[in-house]
């Protein structure tokens, strides 16, 4: 983005200003309309994460051929572009939120299978986060080594026993 600062004011050229306005419009359309259900069904329904991903998609879209097609509205072309690229978008979203790791949720606790335990290859290192906010911030509660045999059950048992979680919805992604 081209800008300069003069007299404590940011001066931005008109083309950049118009492009940023367009991106903000696209972010709004993606977040509150076209990808709203996609985001609601995600493990990350938080606005900040999804706003950043919408911003990423908006910037990709304005470089696409669909965006350049002026026979149709920007909204219609964005909708078409999303449908054509949804498989890639889902994969990119999973990478964006870190879903490519094995993640288990027990109650409010989020557990990621981070790596194999090199001291004991029959076990994996599991990072335990108290909640979604801590997970997003990388603030883990503890790190434990659990047996790879039925890792899902081992994580569930560890969380329910250690943190006395009784009522929970077991979830894996």
N, C-alpha and C. Protein backbone atom coordinates (compact mmCIF):
# COMPACT_ATOMS: atom_id res chain seq x y z
N UNK A 1 0.85 -1.16 0.00
CA UNK A 1 0.00 0.00 0.00
C UNK A 1 0.91 1.23 0.00
N UNK A 2 0.62 2.17 -0.88
CA UNK A 2 1.44 3.38 -0.97
C UNK A 2 0.79 4.49 -0.16
N UNK A 3 1.58 5.05 0.77
CA UNK A 3 1.10 6.15 1.57
C UNK A 3 2.29 6.95 2.08
N UNK A 4 1.99 8.12 2.57
CA UNK A 4 3.00 8.93 3.23
C UNK A 4 2.34 9.65 4.39
N UNK A 5 3.17 10.10 5.30
CA UNK A 5 2.65 10.81 6.47
C UNK A 5 3.11 12.27 6.38
N UNK A 6 2.13 13.18 6.41
CA UNK A 6 2.40 14.62 6.36
C UNK A 6 1.58 15.30 7.45
N UNK A 7 2.22 16.09 8.24
CA UNK A 7 1.52 16.84 9.30
C UNK A 7 0.65 15.92 10.16
N UNK A 8 1.21 14.79 10.54
CA UNK A 8 0.51 13.80 11.37
C UNK A 8 -0.76 13.25 10.71
N UNK A 9 -0.82 13.28 9.39
CA UNK A 9 -1.95 12.70 8.65
C UNK A 9 -1.40 11.70 7.64
N UNK A 10 -2.15 10.63 7.46
CA UNK A 10 -1.76 9.63 6.47
C UNK A 10 -2.35 10.03 5.13
N UNK A 11 -1.49 10.15 4.13
CA UNK A 11 -1.93 10.48 2.77
C UNK A 11 -1.80 9.20 1.95
N UNK A 12 -2.91 8.82 1.33
CA UNK A 12 -2.94 7.59 0.54
C UNK A 12 -3.44 7.91 -0.85
N UNK A 13 -2.87 7.25 -1.85
CA UNK A 13 -3.31 7.54 -3.22
C UNK A 13 -4.71 6.99 -3.45
N UNK A 14 -5.42 7.57 -4.40
CA UNK A 14 -6.83 7.26 -4.64
C UNK A 14 -7.04 5.80 -5.05
N UNK A 15 -6.16 5.25 -5.89
CA UNK A 15 -6.33 3.86 -6.33
C UNK A 15 -6.22 2.89 -5.15
N UNK A 16 -5.24 3.13 -4.29
CA UNK A 16 -5.08 2.28 -3.11
C UNK A 16 -6.29 2.42 -2.19
N UNK A 17 -6.75 3.64 -2.01
CA UNK A 17 -7.92 3.89 -1.17
C UNK A 17 -9.13 3.14 -1.71
N UNK A 18 -9.36 3.22 -3.01
CA UNK A 18 -10.50 2.53 -3.63
C UNK A 18 -10.38 1.01 -3.51
N UNK A 19 -9.17 0.50 -3.69
CA UNK A 19 -8.95 -0.94 -3.58
C UNK A 19 -9.21 -1.41 -2.14
N UNK A 20 -8.74 -0.66 -1.16
CA UNK A 20 -8.97 -1.03 0.24
C UNK A 20 -10.46 -0.97 0.58
N UNK A 21 -11.17 0.00 0.05
CA UNK A 21 -12.62 0.06 0.26
C UNK A 21 -13.31 -1.16 -0.34
N UNK A 22 -12.88 -1.54 -1.52
CA UNK A 22 -13.44 -2.72 -2.18
C UNK A 22 -13.17 -3.97 -1.35
N UNK A 23 -11.96 -4.09 -0.83
CA UNK A 23 -11.60 -5.25 0.00
C UNK A 23 -12.45 -5.28 1.26
N UNK A 24 -12.69 -4.13 1.87
CA UNK A 24 -13.54 -4.08 3.07
C UNK A 24 -14.97 -4.51 2.75
N UNK A 25 -15.47 -4.09 1.60
CA UNK A 25 -16.80 -4.52 1.16
C UNK A 25 -16.83 -6.04 0.98
N UNK A 26 -15.82 -6.58 0.31
CA UNK A 26 -15.76 -8.03 0.08
C UNK A 26 -15.67 -8.79 1.41
N UNK A 27 -14.88 -8.27 2.34
CA UNK A 27 -14.77 -8.91 3.66
C UNK A 27 -16.14 -8.98 4.33
N UNK A 28 -16.88 -7.90 4.25
CA UNK A 28 -18.22 -7.85 4.83
C UNK A 28 -19.13 -8.88 4.17
N UNK A 29 -19.14 -8.91 2.85
CA UNK A 29 -20.00 -9.84 2.11
C UNK A 29 -19.63 -11.29 2.44
N UNK A 30 -18.35 -11.57 2.51
CA UNK A 30 -17.93 -12.93 2.82
C UNK A 30 -18.34 -13.33 4.24
N UNK A 31 -18.05 -12.47 5.20
CA UNK A 31 -18.30 -12.80 6.61
C UNK A 31 -19.76 -12.84 7.00
N UNK A 32 -20.54 -11.93 6.45
CA UNK A 32 -21.93 -11.84 6.89
C UNK A 32 -22.94 -12.45 5.93
N UNK A 33 -22.44 -12.93 4.80
CA UNK A 33 -23.38 -13.49 3.83
C UNK A 33 -22.85 -14.81 3.26
N UNK A 34 -21.95 -14.71 2.32
CA UNK A 34 -21.57 -15.88 1.53
C UNK A 34 -20.88 -17.00 2.32
N UNK A 35 -20.06 -16.65 3.30
CA UNK A 35 -19.38 -17.68 4.08
C UNK A 35 -19.87 -17.74 5.53
N UNK A 36 -20.98 -17.10 5.82
CA UNK A 36 -21.46 -17.03 7.19
C UNK A 36 -21.68 -18.41 7.80
N UNK A 37 -22.40 -19.28 7.11
CA UNK A 37 -22.65 -20.63 7.64
C UNK A 37 -21.36 -21.43 7.73
N UNK A 38 -20.48 -21.26 6.76
CA UNK A 38 -19.17 -21.93 6.77
C UNK A 38 -18.42 -21.56 8.05
N UNK A 39 -18.41 -20.29 8.38
CA UNK A 39 -17.72 -19.82 9.58
C UNK A 39 -18.42 -20.28 10.86
N UNK A 40 -19.74 -20.24 10.87
CA UNK A 40 -20.49 -20.65 12.07
C UNK A 40 -20.24 -22.11 12.41
N UNK A 41 -20.07 -22.96 11.39
CA UNK A 41 -19.85 -24.39 11.60
C UNK A 41 -18.40 -24.73 11.92
N UNK A 42 -17.54 -23.75 11.87
CA UNK A 42 -16.12 -23.96 12.12
C UNK A 42 -15.84 -24.07 13.60
N UNK A 43 -14.70 -24.65 13.93
CA UNK A 43 -14.26 -24.67 15.32
C UNK A 43 -13.89 -23.25 15.76
N UNK A 44 -13.68 -22.37 14.80
CA UNK A 44 -13.33 -20.98 15.08
C UNK A 44 -14.42 -20.04 14.61
N UNK A 45 -15.54 -19.95 15.31
CA UNK A 45 -16.56 -19.00 14.89
C UNK A 45 -16.22 -17.55 15.28
N UNK A 46 -15.05 -17.34 15.91
CA UNK A 46 -14.66 -15.99 16.34
C UNK A 46 -14.46 -15.07 15.15
N UNK A 47 -14.85 -13.84 15.34
CA UNK A 47 -14.80 -12.85 14.27
C UNK A 47 -13.38 -12.54 13.78
N UNK A 48 -12.43 -12.39 14.69
CA UNK A 48 -11.08 -11.98 14.28
C UNK A 48 -10.44 -12.96 13.31
N UNK A 49 -10.53 -14.23 13.62
CA UNK A 49 -9.94 -15.26 12.77
C UNK A 49 -10.61 -15.26 11.40
N UNK A 50 -11.92 -15.21 11.39
CA UNK A 50 -12.65 -15.27 10.13
C UNK A 50 -12.53 -13.97 9.34
N UNK A 51 -12.41 -12.86 10.02
CA UNK A 51 -12.17 -11.60 9.32
C UNK A 51 -10.83 -11.66 8.59
N UNK A 52 -9.80 -12.16 9.27
CA UNK A 52 -8.48 -12.26 8.64
C UNK A 52 -8.52 -13.20 7.44
N UNK A 53 -9.26 -14.30 7.56
CA UNK A 53 -9.35 -15.22 6.43
C UNK A 53 -10.16 -14.59 5.29
N UNK A 54 -11.23 -13.88 5.62
CA UNK A 54 -12.01 -13.19 4.58
C UNK A 54 -11.14 -12.15 3.87
N UNK A 55 -10.32 -11.46 4.62
CA UNK A 55 -9.41 -10.48 4.04
C UNK A 55 -8.44 -11.15 3.07
N UNK A 56 -7.93 -12.30 3.48
CA UNK A 56 -7.04 -13.08 2.61
C UNK A 56 -7.76 -13.47 1.31
N UNK A 57 -9.00 -13.98 1.44
CA UNK A 57 -9.76 -14.37 0.26
C UNK A 57 -10.09 -13.17 -0.63
N UNK A 58 -10.45 -12.05 -0.02
CA UNK A 58 -10.78 -10.84 -0.79
C UNK A 58 -9.59 -10.41 -1.64
N UNK A 59 -8.42 -10.45 -1.06
CA UNK A 59 -7.22 -10.04 -1.79
C UNK A 59 -6.89 -11.01 -2.92
N UNK A 60 -7.21 -12.29 -2.71
CA UNK A 60 -7.03 -13.27 -3.79
C UNK A 60 -8.06 -13.03 -4.91
N UNK A 61 -9.30 -12.76 -4.49
CA UNK A 61 -10.38 -12.58 -5.45
C UNK A 61 -10.14 -11.38 -6.37
N UNK A 62 -9.64 -10.27 -5.83
CA UNK A 62 -9.46 -9.09 -6.69
C UNK A 62 -8.35 -9.28 -7.72
N UNK A 63 -7.59 -10.35 -7.58
CA UNK A 63 -6.56 -10.67 -8.59
C UNK A 63 -7.08 -11.70 -9.59
N UNK A 64 -8.31 -12.16 -9.42
CA UNK A 64 -8.85 -13.23 -10.26
C UNK A 64 -9.49 -12.69 -11.54
N UNK A 65 -9.68 -13.59 -12.49
CA UNK A 65 -10.37 -13.24 -13.74
C UNK A 65 -11.83 -12.90 -13.48
N UNK A 66 -12.44 -13.57 -12.51
CA UNK A 66 -13.84 -13.31 -12.20
C UNK A 66 -14.04 -11.86 -11.76
N UNK A 67 -13.12 -11.36 -10.98
CA UNK A 67 -13.24 -9.97 -10.50
C UNK A 67 -13.16 -8.98 -11.67
N UNK A 68 -12.40 -9.33 -12.68
CA UNK A 68 -12.22 -8.44 -13.83
C UNK A 68 -13.42 -8.46 -14.78
N UNK A 69 -14.31 -9.44 -14.64
CA UNK A 69 -15.48 -9.57 -15.51
C UNK A 69 -16.54 -8.55 -15.08
N UNK A 70 -16.68 -7.50 -15.84
CA UNK A 70 -17.60 -6.41 -15.47
C UNK A 70 -19.01 -6.59 -16.02
N UNK A 71 -19.28 -7.72 -16.69
CA UNK A 71 -20.63 -7.97 -17.18
C UNK A 71 -21.59 -8.27 -16.03
N UNK A 72 -21.04 -8.70 -14.90
CA UNK A 72 -21.85 -9.05 -13.75
C UNK A 72 -21.39 -8.25 -12.53
N UNK A 73 -22.21 -8.24 -11.51
CA UNK A 73 -21.85 -7.50 -10.30
C UNK A 73 -20.69 -8.18 -9.58
N UNK A 74 -20.01 -7.41 -8.76
CA UNK A 74 -18.92 -7.97 -7.95
C UNK A 74 -19.45 -9.09 -7.06
N UNK A 75 -20.63 -8.89 -6.50
CA UNK A 75 -21.24 -9.89 -5.63
C UNK A 75 -21.44 -11.21 -6.39
N UNK A 76 -22.02 -11.13 -7.59
CA UNK A 76 -22.28 -12.34 -8.38
C UNK A 76 -20.98 -13.05 -8.74
N UNK A 77 -19.96 -12.28 -9.09
CA UNK A 77 -18.70 -12.89 -9.48
C UNK A 77 -17.97 -13.48 -8.27
N UNK A 78 -18.10 -12.84 -7.12
CA UNK A 78 -17.51 -13.38 -5.90
C UNK A 78 -18.18 -14.71 -5.56
N UNK A 79 -19.50 -14.75 -5.69
CA UNK A 79 -20.25 -15.98 -5.44
C UNK A 79 -19.80 -17.09 -6.38
N UNK A 80 -19.64 -16.76 -7.64
CA UNK A 80 -19.17 -17.73 -8.64
C UNK A 80 -17.75 -18.20 -8.32
N UNK A 81 -16.88 -17.27 -7.96
CA UNK A 81 -15.50 -17.58 -7.65
C UNK A 81 -15.42 -18.51 -6.43
N UNK A 82 -16.25 -18.24 -5.42
CA UNK A 82 -16.28 -19.10 -4.23
C UNK A 82 -16.70 -20.52 -4.59
N UNK A 83 -17.75 -20.65 -5.38
CA UNK A 83 -18.23 -21.98 -5.77
C UNK A 83 -17.16 -22.74 -6.55
N UNK A 84 -16.47 -22.05 -7.44
CA UNK A 84 -15.43 -22.69 -8.25
C UNK A 84 -14.21 -23.09 -7.43
N UNK A 85 -13.98 -22.41 -6.34
CA UNK A 85 -12.75 -22.63 -5.57
C UNK A 85 -12.99 -23.16 -4.15
N UNK A 86 -14.20 -23.61 -3.86
CA UNK A 86 -14.54 -23.97 -2.48
C UNK A 86 -13.66 -25.09 -1.93
N UNK A 87 -13.30 -26.05 -2.74
CA UNK A 87 -12.45 -27.15 -2.25
C UNK A 87 -11.10 -26.59 -1.77
N UNK A 88 -10.51 -25.73 -2.55
CA UNK A 88 -9.23 -25.10 -2.20
C UNK A 88 -9.41 -24.19 -1.00
N UNK A 89 -10.50 -23.44 -0.98
CA UNK A 89 -10.77 -22.52 0.13
C UNK A 89 -10.89 -23.28 1.45
N UNK A 90 -11.59 -24.41 1.44
CA UNK A 90 -11.73 -25.21 2.66
C UNK A 90 -10.36 -25.70 3.15
N UNK A 91 -9.54 -26.15 2.22
CA UNK A 91 -8.20 -26.62 2.58
C UNK A 91 -7.36 -25.46 3.14
N UNK A 92 -7.42 -24.31 2.49
CA UNK A 92 -6.66 -23.16 2.96
C UNK A 92 -7.16 -22.71 4.34
N UNK A 93 -8.45 -22.78 4.56
CA UNK A 93 -9.01 -22.39 5.86
C UNK A 93 -8.51 -23.33 6.95
N UNK A 94 -8.50 -24.62 6.66
CA UNK A 94 -8.01 -25.59 7.64
C UNK A 94 -6.55 -25.32 7.98
N UNK A 95 -5.75 -24.98 6.98
CA UNK A 95 -4.35 -24.63 7.24
C UNK A 95 -4.27 -23.32 8.02
N UNK A 96 -5.12 -22.38 7.67
CA UNK A 96 -5.13 -21.06 8.30
C UNK A 96 -5.41 -21.15 9.80
N UNK A 97 -6.33 -22.02 10.19
CA UNK A 97 -6.69 -22.15 11.61
C UNK A 97 -5.90 -23.27 12.30
N UNK A 98 -5.03 -23.94 11.56
CA UNK A 98 -4.22 -24.99 12.17
C UNK A 98 -4.92 -26.32 12.28
N UNK A 99 -5.93 -26.53 11.44
CA UNK A 99 -6.72 -27.76 11.53
C UNK A 99 -5.97 -28.97 10.98
N UNK A 100 -4.85 -28.75 10.33
CA UNK A 100 -4.12 -29.88 9.78
C UNK A 100 -3.51 -30.75 10.88
N UNK A 101 -3.44 -30.21 12.11
CA UNK A 101 -3.01 -31.02 13.25
C UNK A 101 -4.20 -31.83 13.73
N UNK A 102 -3.92 -32.94 14.41
CA UNK A 102 -4.99 -33.70 15.04
C UNK A 102 -5.43 -32.93 16.27
N UNK A 103 -6.70 -32.57 16.30
CA UNK A 103 -7.22 -31.78 17.41
C UNK A 103 -8.42 -32.51 18.02
N UNK A 104 -8.43 -32.55 19.34
CA UNK A 104 -9.51 -33.19 20.07
C UNK A 104 -10.05 -32.18 21.08
N UNK A 105 -11.35 -32.19 21.26
CA UNK A 105 -11.98 -31.28 22.21
C UNK A 105 -12.75 -32.11 23.23
N UNK A 106 -12.44 -31.86 24.49
CA UNK A 106 -13.15 -32.54 25.58
C UNK A 106 -13.61 -31.43 26.51
N UNK A 107 -14.93 -31.24 26.58
CA UNK A 107 -15.46 -30.09 27.33
C UNK A 107 -14.99 -28.82 26.65
N UNK A 108 -14.41 -27.91 27.42
CA UNK A 108 -13.84 -26.69 26.84
C UNK A 108 -12.37 -26.85 26.49
N UNK A 109 -11.78 -27.98 26.86
CA UNK A 109 -10.35 -28.20 26.64
C UNK A 109 -10.08 -28.59 25.19
N UNK A 110 -9.06 -27.98 24.64
CA UNK A 110 -8.63 -28.28 23.27
C UNK A 110 -7.27 -28.94 23.37
N UNK A 111 -7.14 -30.09 22.73
CA UNK A 111 -5.89 -30.85 22.79
C UNK A 111 -5.38 -31.08 21.38
N UNK A 112 -4.11 -30.75 21.16
CA UNK A 112 -3.51 -30.98 19.85
C UNK A 112 -2.42 -32.03 19.99
N UNK A 113 -2.43 -32.98 19.07
CA UNK A 113 -1.36 -33.96 19.02
C UNK A 113 -0.25 -33.29 18.25
N UNK A 114 0.73 -32.83 18.98
CA UNK A 114 1.75 -31.96 18.42
C UNK A 114 2.85 -32.71 17.68
N UNK A 115 3.35 -33.77 18.28
CA UNK A 115 4.48 -34.46 17.67
C UNK A 115 4.65 -35.80 18.37
N UNK A 116 5.42 -36.68 17.72
CA UNK A 116 5.77 -37.93 18.38
C UNK A 116 6.79 -37.66 19.47
N UNK A 117 6.72 -38.44 20.51
CA UNK A 117 7.70 -38.35 21.57
C UNK A 117 8.93 -39.14 21.11
N UNK A 118 10.01 -38.44 20.82
CA UNK A 118 11.20 -39.10 20.27
C UNK A 118 11.90 -39.97 21.30
N UNK A 119 11.66 -39.71 22.59
CA UNK A 119 12.21 -40.56 23.64
C UNK A 119 11.44 -41.87 23.74
N UNK A 120 10.17 -41.83 23.36
CA UNK A 120 9.32 -43.02 23.39
C UNK A 120 8.40 -42.97 22.17
N UNK A 121 8.79 -43.59 21.06
CA UNK A 121 8.01 -43.52 19.81
C UNK A 121 6.59 -44.08 19.90
N UNK A 122 6.27 -44.78 20.98
CA UNK A 122 4.91 -45.31 21.14
C UNK A 122 3.97 -44.27 21.75
N UNK A 123 4.51 -43.07 22.01
CA UNK A 123 3.71 -42.00 22.60
C UNK A 123 3.81 -40.74 21.74
N UNK A 124 2.81 -39.86 21.92
CA UNK A 124 2.80 -38.56 21.24
C UNK A 124 2.73 -37.45 22.28
N UNK A 125 3.28 -36.30 21.91
CA UNK A 125 3.19 -35.12 22.75
C UNK A 125 1.84 -34.46 22.49
N UNK A 126 1.10 -34.21 23.53
CA UNK A 126 -0.22 -33.59 23.43
C UNK A 126 -0.19 -32.25 24.17
N UNK A 127 -0.55 -31.20 23.46
CA UNK A 127 -0.64 -29.87 24.06
C UNK A 127 -2.08 -29.67 24.51
N UNK A 128 -2.27 -29.22 25.74
CA UNK A 128 -3.61 -29.05 26.29
C UNK A 128 -3.85 -27.56 26.54
N UNK A 129 -4.95 -27.07 25.97
CA UNK A 129 -5.35 -25.66 26.12
C UNK A 129 -6.66 -25.63 26.87
N UNK A 130 -6.80 -24.65 27.76
CA UNK A 130 -8.00 -24.56 28.59
C UNK A 130 -9.25 -24.20 27.79
N UNK A 131 -9.08 -23.42 26.72
CA UNK A 131 -10.23 -22.99 25.92
C UNK A 131 -9.77 -22.50 24.55
N UNK A 132 -10.73 -22.10 23.73
CA UNK A 132 -10.45 -21.63 22.37
C UNK A 132 -9.51 -20.42 22.36
N UNK A 133 -9.75 -19.49 23.26
CA UNK A 133 -8.93 -18.27 23.32
C UNK A 133 -7.47 -18.63 23.58
N UNK A 134 -7.23 -19.50 24.56
CA UNK A 134 -5.86 -19.90 24.86
C UNK A 134 -5.24 -20.63 23.68
N UNK A 135 -6.04 -21.47 23.00
CA UNK A 135 -5.53 -22.18 21.83
C UNK A 135 -5.09 -21.21 20.74
N UNK A 136 -5.95 -20.22 20.47
CA UNK A 136 -5.63 -19.23 19.44
C UNK A 136 -4.37 -18.45 19.79
N UNK A 137 -4.19 -18.17 21.10
CA UNK A 137 -3.03 -17.39 21.53
C UNK A 137 -1.79 -18.25 21.76
N UNK A 138 -1.93 -19.56 21.66
CA UNK A 138 -0.79 -20.45 21.87
C UNK A 138 -0.42 -20.62 23.34
N UNK A 139 -1.35 -20.29 24.25
CA UNK A 139 -1.10 -20.39 25.69
C UNK A 139 -1.57 -21.75 26.20
N UNK A 140 -0.69 -22.75 26.12
CA UNK A 140 -1.12 -24.07 26.56
C UNK A 140 -1.02 -24.21 28.06
N UNK A 141 -1.91 -25.03 28.59
CA UNK A 141 -1.98 -25.29 30.02
C UNK A 141 -0.87 -26.24 30.44
N UNK A 142 -0.73 -27.29 29.66
CA UNK A 142 0.34 -28.25 29.90
C UNK A 142 0.59 -29.08 28.65
N UNK A 143 1.70 -29.78 28.71
CA UNK A 143 2.12 -30.65 27.62
C UNK A 143 2.35 -32.02 28.24
N UNK A 144 1.71 -33.06 27.66
CA UNK A 144 1.84 -34.40 28.23
C UNK A 144 2.20 -35.38 27.12
N UNK A 145 2.72 -36.50 27.51
CA UNK A 145 3.04 -37.57 26.57
C UNK A 145 2.06 -38.71 26.83
N UNK A 146 1.28 -39.05 25.78
CA UNK A 146 0.27 -40.10 25.92
C UNK A 146 0.48 -41.18 24.88
N UNK A 147 0.05 -42.38 25.20
CA UNK A 147 0.21 -43.53 24.32
C UNK A 147 -0.54 -43.31 23.00
N UNK A 148 0.10 -43.70 21.90
CA UNK A 148 -0.51 -43.58 20.57
C UNK A 148 -1.65 -44.58 20.37
N UNK A 149 -1.66 -45.67 21.13
CA UNK A 149 -2.74 -46.64 21.01
C UNK A 149 -4.02 -46.00 21.49
N UNK A 150 -4.96 -45.82 20.57
CA UNK A 150 -6.25 -45.18 20.85
C UNK A 150 -6.05 -43.81 21.50
N UNK A 151 -5.32 -42.96 20.82
CA UNK A 151 -4.96 -41.64 21.34
C UNK A 151 -6.19 -40.83 21.74
N UNK A 152 -7.25 -40.95 20.97
CA UNK A 152 -8.48 -40.20 21.27
C UNK A 152 -9.00 -40.54 22.67
N UNK A 153 -9.09 -41.85 22.95
CA UNK A 153 -9.56 -42.30 24.26
C UNK A 153 -8.58 -41.87 25.35
N UNK A 154 -7.29 -41.95 25.09
CA UNK A 154 -6.29 -41.57 26.09
C UNK A 154 -6.38 -40.09 26.43
N UNK A 155 -6.63 -39.26 25.43
CA UNK A 155 -6.78 -37.82 25.67
C UNK A 155 -8.04 -37.57 26.49
N UNK A 156 -9.15 -38.19 26.08
CA UNK A 156 -10.42 -38.03 26.80
C UNK A 156 -10.27 -38.46 28.26
N UNK A 157 -9.64 -39.62 28.48
CA UNK A 157 -9.46 -40.11 29.84
C UNK A 157 -8.57 -39.17 30.66
N UNK A 158 -7.51 -38.70 30.04
CA UNK A 158 -6.59 -37.80 30.76
C UNK A 158 -7.29 -36.51 31.18
N UNK A 159 -8.04 -35.91 30.25
CA UNK A 159 -8.73 -34.65 30.55
C UNK A 159 -9.81 -34.86 31.61
N UNK A 160 -10.62 -35.91 31.45
CA UNK A 160 -11.71 -36.13 32.41
C UNK A 160 -11.16 -36.45 33.80
N UNK A 161 -10.05 -37.20 33.88
CA UNK A 161 -9.48 -37.55 35.18
C UNK A 161 -8.72 -36.38 35.80
N UNK A 162 -7.88 -35.72 35.01
CA UNK A 162 -7.02 -34.66 35.54
C UNK A 162 -7.78 -33.39 35.86
N UNK A 163 -8.71 -33.03 34.98
CA UNK A 163 -9.41 -31.76 35.15
C UNK A 163 -10.85 -31.94 35.62
N UNK A 164 -11.20 -33.18 35.97
CA UNK A 164 -12.51 -33.48 36.54
C UNK A 164 -13.66 -32.99 35.66
N UNK A 165 -13.53 -33.23 34.35
CA UNK A 165 -14.58 -32.85 33.41
C UNK A 165 -15.60 -33.98 33.37
N UNK A 166 -16.85 -33.64 33.68
CA UNK A 166 -17.89 -34.67 33.73
C UNK A 166 -18.80 -34.63 32.50
N UNK A 167 -19.39 -33.50 32.25
CA UNK A 167 -20.29 -33.36 31.10
C UNK A 167 -19.51 -32.71 29.96
N UNK A 168 -19.39 -33.40 28.88
CA UNK A 168 -18.65 -32.84 27.76
C UNK A 168 -19.17 -33.41 26.45
N UNK A 169 -18.89 -32.69 25.43
CA UNK A 169 -19.19 -33.13 24.07
C UNK A 169 -17.85 -33.51 23.44
N UNK A 170 -17.69 -34.76 23.12
CA UNK A 170 -16.44 -35.24 22.53
C UNK A 170 -16.41 -34.84 21.06
N UNK A 171 -15.34 -34.21 20.64
CA UNK A 171 -15.25 -33.70 19.27
C UNK A 171 -13.84 -33.88 18.75
N UNK A 172 -13.75 -34.36 17.53
CA UNK A 172 -12.45 -34.51 16.88
C UNK A 172 -12.52 -33.81 15.54
N UNK A 173 -11.43 -33.17 15.19
CA UNK A 173 -11.38 -32.60 13.84
C UNK A 173 -10.07 -32.92 13.20
